[in-house]
Amino acid sequence: MRLNISDTFSCELPADSSTENTRRKVFEATHSFVEPKVPSNPKIIHVSTDMAKAIGLDEDDLSSNAFLDVFSGSKLQPKTRPFAMAYAGHQFGNWAGQLGDGRAINLFEVEHNHKRWAVQLKGAGETPYSRQGDGLAVLRSSIREYLCSEAMYYLGVPTTRALSLMLSGDEVLRDMLYNGNANYEKGAIVCRVAPTFVRFGNFELFAARKDYKNLKRLVDYSIKYFYPQLGEPSKQSYIQFFRSVSENTLRMIIHWQRVGFVHGVMNTDNMSILGLTIDYGPYGWLEGYDFGWTPNTTDQHNKRYRYGNQPNIGLWNLLQLANALYPLVEEAEPFESILNDYQLNFEQQHLEMMRSKLGLVNQNQNDQALIESLEHCLTRAETDMTIFFRVLSNFKKGNALSGIEILREALYNPDDLNEEILDLWEEWYKSYDERLQLEPLDDVQRKVKMDSVNPKYVLRNFMAQLVIDDANKGDYNLLGELFSLLKAPYDEQPNMEKWFVKRPEWARHKVGCSMLSCSS
């Protein structure tokens, strides 16, 4: 197994002077060298062949002992030195201090086809940043991360990727609901891949400690490898770095809103400087169209990270990054201007995104009112977001009344259509039909456009739970089936129609299907 190793982060940035793998505060360092825990009996469950190809591996590599050894953490790739990153963060709006890679160990960086990939294992053992944890991960959460990373990529949502999913052969003790009922579960290891795993929190750590020397080194490194178009280090390039991160963050969140994805834990240590979806914990897709929904049990009272608040949290997190970068610029106005632009750009980009979901090409001054009216209708009766927007492409111009029949496919309880709600919907479909008359696209052209942005298949929590239930019995066939399904989420896939369904009633309140914890 040959990989073009090209380490930069661990070679160009300051390392922890201590090499002991003990929990501690780490100062004046971006990382600590640490080796993965050797699993007792690793076994490959699934591999993303597309991701493998992207880093320079072929089919023969994937069946080799070397692949199993390296990506389970059993052995090190020659001439590499694994490490865990140091970072801090705000968690649920509160400063948490030093955090770091508590169960992620970065193996190496690879260059292939002029692209750089950082490769890390999640669940491969403790690090100096593990705090009270063991650095391990269980099968259920590893399946969710593995499937969702690749599903998001094929949805067109900026994301970290996943290369492989393996059993460790060890059992891991977890209190899944944090209610005092801990149990042993199967341990697993996911190999995650991204151009970089640097987060907002990496900069926050140095800024909080007034370690401006290393703050500058980290920003300079980030610009050099990930925003080289910004030029040499200067106040202006630091400002433009923040602008680029802001724009990429907004782009990511607009995609989340488009497909109905809720991250669940938008802490600053879970925010990528490339605007990638990172750290798949208690995530979920909207079932009923509910701006107040969050999948995270930890957040169920305050709902800080609810679907409708994700754009605001993106802005709040960017403010924390601006505060961290301020010492390198010492001017507030540029940061304030960029944050103001974020708000204005969100309104514009969100409007354009919603136009695309409705199949509208032209702009009209009444479009915002049309969208707000639709959202009001969607929240009046439990309506499945994914199904509604997908079947809306079947609407025919000049036949407003047909919209109600299309709508019924997406309703969880069609009997909810009382006279008042029915009148609202009929009025909306009439307005939508009138708006479509101003469009150049015919029904067929509009359907193609709408189906390209409104997925037919998403990784609903009940689907992931079915995979987990089978996997816990040693059956991985369903995992493979859904992995294949989610590689083409916008295609009809007639033989997979069974997955184009609303959440079943049995899953409404089932653990793992409605709400999830951070336990993994």
Protein backbone atom coordinates (compact mmCIF):
# COMPACT_ATOMS: atom_id res chain seq x y z
CA MET A 1 0.00 0.00 0.00
CA ARG A 2 1.72 3.15 -1.24
CA LEU A 3 0.58 6.62 -0.25
CA ASN A 4 2.16 9.94 -1.13
CA ILE A 5 2.71 11.15 2.45
CA SER A 6 3.17 14.91 2.67
CA ASP A 7 2.87 16.03 6.28
CA THR A 8 2.69 19.77 6.92
CA PHE A 9 0.68 20.46 10.08
CA SER A 10 2.85 18.34 12.37
CA CYS A 11 6.06 19.44 10.65
CA GLU A 12 5.57 23.20 10.36
CA LEU A 13 3.68 23.99 13.56
CA PRO A 14 4.84 23.72 17.19
CA ALA A 15 4.42 20.37 18.91
CA ASP A 16 3.81 19.62 22.58
CA SER A 17 7.17 19.24 24.32
CA SER A 18 5.87 16.29 26.33
CA THR A 19 5.31 12.94 24.65
CA GLU A 20 3.47 11.37 27.58
CA ASN A 21 -0.08 10.34 26.80
CA THR A 22 -1.58 11.79 29.97
CA ARG A 23 -4.46 14.25 30.38
CA ARG A 24 -3.07 17.71 30.85
CA LYS A 25 -3.12 21.33 29.78
CA VAL A 26 -0.95 21.82 26.72
CA PHE A 27 0.65 25.21 26.11
CA GLU A 28 2.37 26.84 23.12
CA ALA A 29 1.59 23.88 20.86
CA THR A 30 -0.87 23.05 18.10
CA HIS A 31 -0.67 19.30 18.69
CA SER A 32 0.64 16.43 20.79
CA PHE A 33 2.22 13.32 19.32
CA VAL A 34 0.33 10.17 20.30
CA GLU A 35 -0.13 6.72 18.84
CA PRO A 36 -3.46 4.90 18.39
CA LYS A 37 -4.46 2.14 20.76
CA VAL A 38 -3.97 -1.22 19.08
CA PRO A 39 -7.41 -2.86 18.73
CA SER A 40 -7.75 -6.49 19.84
CA ASN A 41 -9.40 -7.89 16.72
CA PRO A 42 -10.03 -5.30 13.99
CA LYS A 43 -12.35 -6.15 11.11
CA ILE A 44 -13.37 -4.09 8.09
CA ILE A 45 -17.09 -3.46 7.87
CA HIS A 46 -17.20 -1.09 4.89
CA VAL A 47 -14.92 1.08 2.75
CA SER A 48 -15.78 4.07 0.57
CA THR A 49 -14.04 3.10 -2.66
CA ASP A 50 -14.50 6.62 -4.08
CA MET A 51 -12.72 8.16 -1.09
CA ALA A 52 -10.00 5.51 -1.28
CA LYS A 53 -9.39 6.37 -4.91
CA ALA A 54 -9.24 10.08 -4.04
CA ILE A 55 -6.25 9.53 -1.74
CA GLY A 56 -4.46 7.19 -4.16
CA LEU A 57 -5.56 3.70 -3.12
CA ASP A 58 -6.77 0.99 -5.49
CA GLU A 59 -9.01 -2.07 -5.06
CA ASP A 60 -6.10 -4.36 -4.19
CA ASP A 61 -5.02 -2.00 -1.41
CA LEU A 62 -8.43 -2.21 0.24
CA SER A 63 -8.18 -5.97 0.72
CA SER A 64 -4.59 -5.87 1.97
CA ASN A 65 -3.38 -6.50 5.50
CA ALA A 66 -1.61 -3.14 5.34
CA PHE A 67 -4.91 -1.32 4.84
CA LEU A 68 -6.50 -3.13 7.79
CA ASP A 69 -3.47 -2.46 9.98
CA VAL A 70 -3.04 1.25 9.23
CA PHE A 71 -6.68 2.32 9.20
CA SER A 72 -7.56 0.40 12.35
CA GLY A 73 -4.59 1.90 14.18
CA SER A 74 -2.85 -1.47 14.60
CA LYS A 75 0.32 -0.33 12.86
CA LEU A 76 1.75 2.98 11.69
CA GLN A 77 2.37 3.87 8.08
CA PRO A 78 6.16 4.05 7.66
CA LYS A 79 7.76 7.44 8.25
CA THR A 80 4.68 8.95 9.90
CA ARG A 81 4.04 10.26 13.40
CA PRO A 82 0.39 10.47 14.52
CA PHE A 83 -0.85 13.34 16.66
CA ALA A 84 -3.88 14.88 18.33
CA MET A 85 -4.77 18.55 17.80
CA ALA A 86 -5.04 21.12 20.57
CA TYR A 87 -7.98 23.51 20.45
CA ALA A 88 -10.52 25.22 22.68
CA GLY A 89 -14.09 26.31 22.11
CA HIS A 90 -17.46 27.66 23.14
CA GLN A 91 -19.90 24.87 23.90
CA PHE A 92 -23.61 25.75 23.95
CA GLY A 93 -22.60 29.40 24.17
CA ASN A 94 -20.23 29.01 27.12
CA TRP A 95 -16.45 29.16 27.11
CA ALA A 96 -15.12 25.64 27.72
CA GLY A 97 -11.37 26.30 27.65
CA GLN A 98 -8.99 23.69 26.28
CA LEU A 99 -10.72 20.81 24.50
CA GLY A 100 -8.70 19.17 21.71
CA ASP A 101 -8.92 15.86 19.89
CA GLY A 102 -10.22 13.68 22.69
CA ARG A 103 -10.71 10.62 20.52
CA ALA A 104 -9.40 11.62 17.11
CA ILE A 105 -5.83 10.80 16.13
CA ASN A 106 -4.41 12.28 12.95
CA LEU A 107 -2.37 9.70 11.06
CA PHE A 108 -0.79 11.69 8.24
CA GLU A 109 -1.45 13.93 5.24
CA VAL A 110 -1.61 12.65 1.68
CA GLU A 111 -1.17 14.50 -1.59
CA HIS A 112 -2.86 12.98 -4.65
CA ASN A 113 -3.96 14.52 -7.93
CA HIS A 114 -2.92 17.97 -6.65
CA LYS A 115 -5.20 17.69 -3.62
CA ARG A 116 -4.19 17.51 0.03
CA TRP A 117 -5.97 15.20 2.46
CA ALA A 118 -5.57 14.95 6.22
CA VAL A 119 -6.37 11.41 7.44
CA GLN A 120 -7.46 10.69 11.00
CA LEU A 121 -8.98 7.90 13.05
CA LYS A 122 -11.92 8.52 15.35
CA GLY A 123 -12.28 6.11 18.24
CA ALA A 124 -8.64 4.99 18.23
CA GLY A 125 -7.84 5.65 21.86
CA GLU A 126 -7.06 8.28 24.46
CA THR A 127 -5.03 11.42 23.94
CA PRO A 128 -3.85 14.22 26.26
CA TYR A 129 -7.16 15.92 25.39
CA SER A 130 -9.49 13.04 26.28
CA ARG A 131 -10.42 14.67 29.61
CA GLN A 132 -12.73 12.15 31.35
CA GLY A 133 -13.19 9.99 28.25
CA ASP A 134 -11.49 6.84 26.99
CA GLY A 135 -10.90 8.06 23.44
CA LEU A 136 -12.93 5.20 21.99
CA ALA A 137 -16.13 5.14 19.94
CA VAL A 138 -19.03 2.70 19.70
CA LEU A 139 -20.48 1.04 16.61
CA ARG A 140 -23.79 2.94 16.57
CA SER A 141 -22.24 6.41 16.48
CA SER A 142 -19.51 5.26 14.08
CA ILE A 143 -22.09 3.96 11.62
CA ARG A 144 -23.94 7.28 11.80
CA GLU A 145 -20.75 9.25 11.14
CA TYR A 146 -19.57 6.97 8.34
CA LEU A 147 -22.88 6.96 6.47
CA CYS A 148 -23.64 10.65 6.97
CA SER A 149 -20.21 11.92 5.92
CA GLU A 150 -20.54 10.30 2.52
CA ALA A 151 -24.28 10.98 2.21
CA MET A 152 -23.69 14.70 2.71
CA TYR A 153 -20.95 14.69 0.09
CA TYR A 154 -23.26 13.22 -2.53
CA LEU A 155 -25.98 15.69 -1.55
CA GLY A 156 -23.54 18.43 -2.52
CA VAL A 157 -23.14 19.68 1.05
CA PRO A 158 -19.58 20.71 2.07
CA THR A 159 -18.37 18.03 4.45
CA THR A 160 -15.54 15.98 5.83
CA ARG A 161 -15.42 12.53 4.25
CA ALA A 162 -15.15 8.97 5.52
CA LEU A 163 -12.80 6.32 4.18
CA SER A 164 -13.51 3.24 6.28
CA LEU A 165 -15.55 1.77 9.11
CA MET A 166 -14.05 -0.99 11.24
CA LEU A 167 -14.87 -3.00 14.32
CA SER A 168 -12.16 -2.82 16.96
CA GLY A 169 -12.99 -6.15 18.55
CA ASP A 170 -13.24 -4.43 21.93
CA GLU A 171 -16.23 -3.49 24.03
CA VAL A 172 -16.80 0.11 25.11
CA LEU A 173 -18.80 1.22 28.15
CA ARG A 174 -21.29 4.00 27.39
CA ASP A 175 -24.24 5.65 29.15
CA MET A 176 -26.20 6.40 25.99
CA LEU A 177 -28.86 8.62 27.57
CA TYR A 178 -26.75 9.92 30.46
CA ASN A 179 -29.29 8.44 32.88
CA GLY A 180 -27.02 6.18 34.91
CA ASN A 181 -27.67 3.06 32.83
CA ALA A 182 -24.29 2.38 31.26
CA ASN A 183 -23.82 -0.69 29.07
CA TYR A 184 -21.06 -2.25 27.03
CA GLU A 185 -21.31 -1.77 23.28
CA LYS A 186 -19.25 -2.86 20.28
CA GLY A 187 -16.25 -0.60 19.68
CA ALA A 188 -15.57 0.80 16.23
CA ILE A 189 -13.15 3.07 14.38
CA VAL A 190 -13.95 5.47 11.55
CA CYS A 191 -11.26 6.86 9.29
CA ARG A 192 -12.15 10.48 8.52
CA VAL A 193 -10.64 12.50 5.70
CA ALA A 194 -10.63 16.23 4.90
CA PRO A 195 -8.23 18.81 3.47
CA THR A 196 -7.78 19.94 7.06
CA PHE A 197 -9.46 19.44 10.42
CA VAL A 198 -8.50 22.90 11.73
CA ARG A 199 -11.45 24.50 13.53
CA PHE A 200 -12.41 27.88 14.95
CA GLY A 201 -11.37 26.53 18.33
CA ASN A 202 -7.74 26.09 17.27
CA PHE A 203 -7.44 29.88 17.03
CA GLU A 204 -9.53 30.50 20.14
CA LEU A 205 -7.09 28.50 22.25
CA PHE A 206 -4.10 30.71 21.44
CA ALA A 207 -6.09 33.95 21.59
CA ALA A 208 -7.50 33.10 25.03
CA ARG A 209 -3.97 32.50 26.32
CA LYS A 210 -2.63 35.64 24.61
CA ASP A 211 -0.18 33.41 22.73
CA TYR A 212 -0.21 35.67 19.70
CA LYS A 213 3.03 34.28 18.30
CA ASN A 214 1.51 30.85 17.76
CA LEU A 215 -1.84 32.33 16.78
CA LYS A 216 -0.04 34.06 13.92
CA ARG A 217 1.82 30.88 12.98
CA LEU A 218 -1.45 28.95 12.75
CA VAL A 219 -3.19 31.62 10.67
CA ASP A 220 -0.18 31.89 8.36
CA TYR A 221 -0.16 28.11 7.95
CA SER A 222 -3.91 28.05 7.18
CA ILE A 223 -3.56 30.75 4.53
CA LYS A 224 -0.50 29.10 2.98
CA TYR A 225 -2.18 25.74 2.42
CA PHE A 226 -5.90 26.43 2.23
CA TYR A 227 -6.29 30.06 1.13
CA PRO A 228 -3.08 30.68 -0.86
CA GLN A 229 -4.87 33.17 -3.11
CA LEU A 230 -4.81 35.62 -0.18
CA GLY A 231 -1.06 36.14 -0.55
CA GLU A 232 1.66 36.73 1.99
CA PRO A 233 0.89 37.26 5.71
CA SER A 234 -0.37 40.77 6.46
CA LYS A 235 -3.24 42.49 8.24
CA GLN A 236 -5.10 42.57 4.95
CA SER A 237 -4.64 38.86 4.29
CA TYR A 238 -5.85 38.08 7.84
CA ILE A 239 -8.99 40.13 7.23
CA GLN A 240 -9.55 38.38 3.90
CA PHE A 241 -8.96 35.04 5.61
CA PHE A 242 -11.80 35.81 7.98
CA ARG A 243 -13.99 36.90 5.06
CA SER A 244 -13.31 33.65 3.23
CA VAL A 245 -14.10 31.55 6.29
CA SER A 246 -17.29 33.55 6.81
CA GLU A 247 -18.41 33.05 3.21
CA ASN A 248 -17.67 29.32 3.31
CA THR A 249 -19.49 28.93 6.63
CA LEU A 250 -22.57 30.64 5.22
CA ARG A 251 -22.45 28.50 2.09
CA MET A 252 -22.40 25.35 4.23
CA ILE A 253 -25.35 26.45 6.37
CA ILE A 254 -27.42 27.42 3.33
CA HIS A 255 -26.91 23.86 2.10
CA TRP A 256 -27.96 22.51 5.50
CA GLN A 257 -31.18 24.51 5.33
CA ARG A 258 -31.77 23.39 1.74
CA VAL A 259 -31.78 19.68 2.55
CA GLY A 260 -33.27 20.02 6.05
CA PHE A 261 -30.15 18.94 7.94
CA VAL A 262 -29.70 19.81 11.63
CA HIS A 263 -26.17 19.48 12.98
CA GLY A 264 -27.17 19.38 16.63
CA VAL A 265 -23.85 20.54 18.17
CA MET A 266 -22.70 23.77 16.52
CA ASN A 267 -20.03 24.51 19.11
CA THR A 268 -17.06 26.57 17.90
CA ASP A 269 -14.82 23.51 18.19
CA ASN A 270 -17.10 21.88 15.61
CA MET A 271 -16.72 24.65 13.02
CA SER A 272 -14.29 24.03 10.15
CA ILE A 273 -12.20 26.88 8.71
CA LEU A 274 -13.10 25.51 5.27
CA GLY A 275 -16.83 25.59 5.89
CA LEU A 276 -17.10 21.79 6.05
CA THR A 277 -19.69 19.90 8.06
CA ILE A 278 -17.58 18.30 10.77
CA ASP A 279 -18.19 16.03 13.78
CA TYR A 280 -21.37 14.04 13.17
CA GLY A 281 -22.90 13.50 16.59
CA PRO A 282 -26.62 13.94 17.34
CA TYR A 283 -27.57 15.17 13.86
CA GLY A 284 -30.81 14.61 11.99
CA TRP A 285 -32.98 15.58 9.05
CA LEU A 286 -36.28 17.35 9.50
CA GLU A 287 -39.23 14.99 9.36
CA GLY A 288 -42.06 17.41 10.04
CA TYR A 289 -41.23 20.93 8.88
CA ASP A 290 -40.34 22.42 12.25
CA PHE A 291 -38.00 25.42 12.67
CA GLY A 292 -37.72 24.61 16.39
CA TRP A 293 -36.55 21.01 16.03
CA THR A 294 -33.20 19.82 17.37
CA PRO A 295 -32.09 16.17 17.48
CA ASN A 296 -29.84 16.72 20.52
CA THR A 297 -31.18 15.64 23.92
CA THR A 298 -28.63 17.92 25.60
CA ASP A 299 -30.20 20.87 23.79
CA GLN A 300 -33.85 19.89 24.11
CA HIS A 301 -34.73 22.65 26.60
CA ASN A 302 -32.90 25.68 25.19
CA LYS A 303 -32.92 24.47 21.58
CA ARG A 304 -29.92 26.66 20.82
CA TYR A 305 -29.00 24.56 17.80
CA ARG A 306 -32.49 24.11 16.37
CA TYR A 307 -32.98 24.04 12.61
CA GLY A 308 -34.24 27.62 12.31
CA ASN A 309 -31.42 29.03 14.44
CA GLN A 310 -28.48 27.49 12.58
CA PRO A 311 -27.79 30.61 10.47
CA ASN A 312 -27.75 32.77 13.63
CA ILE A 313 -25.41 30.37 15.39
CA GLY A 314 -23.10 30.45 12.39
CA LEU A 315 -22.91 34.22 12.84
CA TRP A 316 -22.35 33.93 16.60
CA ASN A 317 -19.54 31.43 16.06
CA LEU A 318 -17.93 33.68 13.47
CA LEU A 319 -17.98 36.50 16.02
CA GLN A 320 -15.95 34.30 18.35
CA LEU A 321 -13.47 33.61 15.56
CA ALA A 322 -13.29 37.35 14.84
CA ASN A 323 -12.47 37.98 18.50
CA ALA A 324 -9.69 35.38 18.28
CA LEU A 325 -8.18 36.93 15.14
CA TYR A 326 -8.52 40.54 16.30
CA PRO A 327 -5.05 40.70 18.00
CA LEU A 328 -3.43 40.15 14.58
CA VAL A 329 -5.33 43.08 13.03
CA GLU A 330 -6.18 45.38 15.96
CA GLU A 331 -9.04 46.96 14.02
CA ALA A 332 -12.66 46.10 14.75
CA GLU A 333 -14.31 47.69 11.71
CA PRO A 334 -13.18 45.14 9.10
CA PHE A 335 -14.54 42.27 11.18
CA GLU A 336 -17.80 44.10 11.88
CA SER A 337 -18.22 44.79 8.16
CA ILE A 338 -17.75 41.12 7.28
CA LEU A 339 -20.19 40.01 9.98
CA ASN A 340 -22.76 42.50 8.67
CA ASP A 341 -22.20 41.14 5.17
CA TYR A 342 -22.91 37.64 6.49
CA GLN A 343 -26.37 38.74 7.60
CA LEU A 344 -27.15 40.48 4.31
CA ASN A 345 -25.75 37.62 2.26
CA PHE A 346 -27.77 35.10 4.22
CA GLU A 347 -31.02 36.84 3.35
CA GLN A 348 -30.08 36.96 -0.32
CA GLN A 349 -28.68 33.43 -0.54
CA HIS A 350 -31.54 31.94 1.43
CA LEU A 351 -34.02 33.56 -0.91
CA GLU A 352 -32.16 32.23 -3.95
CA MET A 353 -31.97 28.77 -2.38
CA MET A 354 -35.72 28.72 -1.73
CA ARG A 355 -36.40 29.93 -5.27
CA SER A 356 -34.40 26.97 -6.56
CA LYS A 357 -36.42 24.56 -4.39
CA LEU A 358 -39.61 26.02 -5.90
CA GLY A 359 -38.27 25.85 -9.45
CA LEU A 360 -38.17 29.62 -9.93
CA VAL A 361 -35.58 31.00 -12.32
CA ASN A 362 -36.55 34.66 -12.48
CA GLN A 363 -36.67 37.07 -9.56
CA ASN A 364 -39.89 38.66 -8.43
CA GLN A 365 -40.46 41.19 -5.67
CA ASN A 366 -43.22 39.02 -4.20
CA ASP A 367 -41.11 35.87 -3.88
CA GLN A 368 -40.23 36.41 -0.23
CA ALA A 369 -43.91 36.71 0.66
CA LEU A 370 -44.66 33.53 -1.33
CA ILE A 371 -41.96 31.65 0.59
CA GLU A 372 -43.08 32.93 3.99
CA SER A 373 -46.64 31.94 3.18
CA LEU A 374 -45.46 28.45 2.22
CA GLU A 375 -43.49 28.06 5.45
CA HIS A 376 -46.57 29.09 7.41
CA CYS A 377 -48.62 26.41 5.64
CA LEU A 378 -45.98 23.75 6.19
CA THR A 379 -45.94 24.32 9.93
CA ARG A 380 -49.72 24.25 10.37
CA ALA A 381 -49.91 20.47 9.88
CA GLU A 382 -47.10 17.93 10.23
CA THR A 383 -45.62 17.85 6.74
CA ASP A 384 -42.55 15.89 5.72
CA MET A 385 -40.01 18.36 4.32
CA THR A 386 -38.11 16.00 2.03
CA ILE A 387 -41.20 14.45 0.48
CA PHE A 388 -43.07 17.74 0.11
CA PHE A 389 -40.40 19.50 -1.92
CA ARG A 390 -39.64 16.39 -3.97
CA VAL A 391 -43.25 15.81 -5.05
CA LEU A 392 -43.87 19.53 -5.56
CA SER A 393 -41.97 19.18 -8.84
CA ASN A 394 -44.98 17.19 -10.12
CA PHE A 395 -47.18 20.28 -9.90
CA LYS A 396 -48.63 21.32 -13.27
CA LYS A 397 -49.10 24.92 -14.33
CA GLY A 398 -52.73 25.96 -14.61
CA ASN A 399 -53.97 23.26 -12.24
CA ALA A 400 -53.75 24.77 -8.78
CA LEU A 401 -56.23 22.34 -7.24
CA SER A 402 -53.96 19.39 -8.07
CA GLY A 403 -51.55 20.69 -5.47
CA ILE A 404 -53.69 19.41 -2.59
CA GLU A 405 -53.48 15.84 -3.86
CA ILE A 406 -49.71 16.17 -4.19
CA LEU A 407 -49.54 17.60 -0.67
CA ARG A 408 -51.30 14.57 0.84
CA GLU A 409 -48.27 12.42 0.04
CA ALA A 410 -46.20 14.48 2.45
CA LEU A 411 -48.68 14.81 5.33
CA TYR A 412 -48.20 12.59 8.36
CA ASN A 413 -51.92 12.77 9.05
CA PRO A 414 -54.04 13.86 6.05
CA ASP A 415 -56.97 14.30 8.44
CA ASP A 416 -55.16 17.38 9.78
CA LEU A 417 -56.35 19.21 6.68
CA ASN A 418 -59.30 20.90 8.34
CA GLU A 419 -61.20 23.62 6.51
CA GLU A 420 -59.00 26.45 7.79
CA ILE A 421 -55.71 24.76 6.83
CA LEU A 422 -57.14 23.59 3.52
CA ASP A 423 -58.09 27.16 2.65
CA LEU A 424 -54.54 28.32 3.43
CA TRP A 425 -53.05 25.67 1.18
CA GLU A 426 -55.46 26.33 -1.66
CA GLU A 427 -54.60 30.01 -1.52
CA TRP A 428 -50.90 29.23 -1.56
CA TYR A 429 -51.13 26.86 -4.52
CA LYS A 430 -53.11 29.50 -6.39
CA SER A 431 -50.36 32.07 -5.70
CA TYR A 432 -47.68 29.54 -6.69
CA ASP A 433 -49.48 28.78 -9.93
CA GLU A 434 -49.74 32.48 -10.75
CA ARG A 435 -46.03 32.87 -10.03
CA LEU A 436 -45.16 29.96 -12.33
CA GLN A 437 -46.99 31.66 -15.18
CA LEU A 438 -44.21 34.29 -15.11
CA GLU A 439 -41.50 31.65 -15.57
CA PRO A 440 -39.85 30.59 -18.84
CA LEU A 441 -39.61 26.91 -17.92
CA ASP A 442 -42.28 24.41 -18.88
CA ASP A 443 -43.39 21.72 -16.42
CA VAL A 444 -40.81 19.17 -17.59
CA GLN A 445 -37.90 21.62 -17.44
CA ARG A 446 -38.97 22.85 -14.02
CA LYS A 447 -39.20 19.31 -12.67
CA VAL A 448 -35.63 18.57 -13.77
CA LYS A 449 -34.41 21.75 -12.07
CA MET A 450 -36.31 21.11 -8.84
CA ASP A 451 -35.31 17.46 -8.60
CA SER A 452 -31.66 18.47 -8.83
CA VAL A 453 -31.83 20.47 -5.57
CA ASN A 454 -34.59 18.63 -3.67
CA PRO A 455 -33.24 15.18 -2.75
CA LYS A 456 -35.46 12.15 -2.89
CA TYR A 457 -33.43 10.21 -0.35
CA VAL A 458 -31.78 11.44 2.85
CA LEU A 459 -30.37 9.58 5.83
CA ARG A 460 -33.37 9.71 8.12
CA ASN A 461 -32.60 8.73 11.70
CA PHE A 462 -34.88 5.70 11.57
CA MET A 463 -32.95 4.42 8.54
CA ALA A 464 -29.62 4.77 10.36
CA GLN A 465 -31.12 3.01 13.39
CA LEU A 466 -32.23 0.05 11.27
CA VAL A 467 -28.64 -0.26 10.02
CA ILE A 468 -27.35 -0.07 13.61
CA ASP A 469 -29.80 -2.74 14.81
CA ASP A 470 -28.68 -5.12 12.06
CA ALA A 471 -25.00 -4.31 12.55
CA ASN A 472 -25.21 -5.11 16.25
CA LYS A 473 -26.29 -8.60 15.13
CA GLY A 474 -23.35 -8.83 12.73
CA ASP A 475 -25.41 -8.15 9.59
CA TYR A 476 -24.01 -5.32 7.41
CA ASN A 477 -26.11 -5.84 4.27
CA LEU A 478 -28.42 -2.94 5.03
CA LEU A 479 -25.44 -0.66 5.63
CA GLY A 480 -24.21 -1.45 2.14
CA GLU A 481 -27.67 -0.94 0.67
CA LEU A 482 -28.12 2.50 2.21
CA PHE A 483 -24.55 3.52 1.38
CA SER A 484 -25.30 2.76 -2.27
CA LEU A 485 -28.71 4.48 -2.11
CA LEU A 486 -27.29 7.68 -0.64
CA LYS A 487 -24.62 8.00 -3.33
CA ALA A 488 -27.40 9.05 -5.73
CA PRO A 489 -29.86 10.99 -3.54
CA TYR A 490 -31.38 13.00 -6.41
CA ASP A 491 -32.02 9.99 -8.68
CA GLU A 492 -35.38 8.24 -8.77
CA GLN A 493 -33.91 4.75 -8.10
CA PRO A 494 -37.25 2.92 -8.61
CA ASN A 495 -35.93 -0.25 -6.96
CA MET A 496 -35.30 1.76 -3.76
CA GLU A 497 -38.73 3.36 -3.54
CA LYS A 498 -39.27 1.74 -0.15
CA TRP A 499 -36.93 4.39 1.33
CA PHE A 500 -38.95 7.30 -0.05
CA VAL A 501 -41.27 7.25 2.92
CA LYS A 502 -42.21 9.32 5.91
CA ARG A 503 -40.81 8.38 9.31
CA PRO A 504 -42.81 5.37 10.55
CA GLU A 505 -44.87 5.87 13.68
CA TRP A 506 -42.78 3.36 15.64
CA ALA A 507 -39.79 5.69 15.23
CA ARG A 508 -41.50 8.86 16.47
CA HIS A 509 -40.19 8.54 20.03
CA LYS A 510 -37.73 5.66 19.73
CA VAL A 511 -34.23 6.28 21.08
CA GLY A 512 -31.89 6.93 18.16
CA CYS A 513 -34.74 7.89 15.83
CA SER A 514 -36.21 11.07 17.29
CA MET A 515 -33.61 12.48 19.69
CA LEU A 516 -29.97 11.53 20.23
CA SER A 517 -27.35 12.32 22.83
CA CYS A 518 -23.69 13.24 22.42
CA SER A 519 -22.75 9.82 23.84
CA SER A 520 -20.63 7.95 21.33
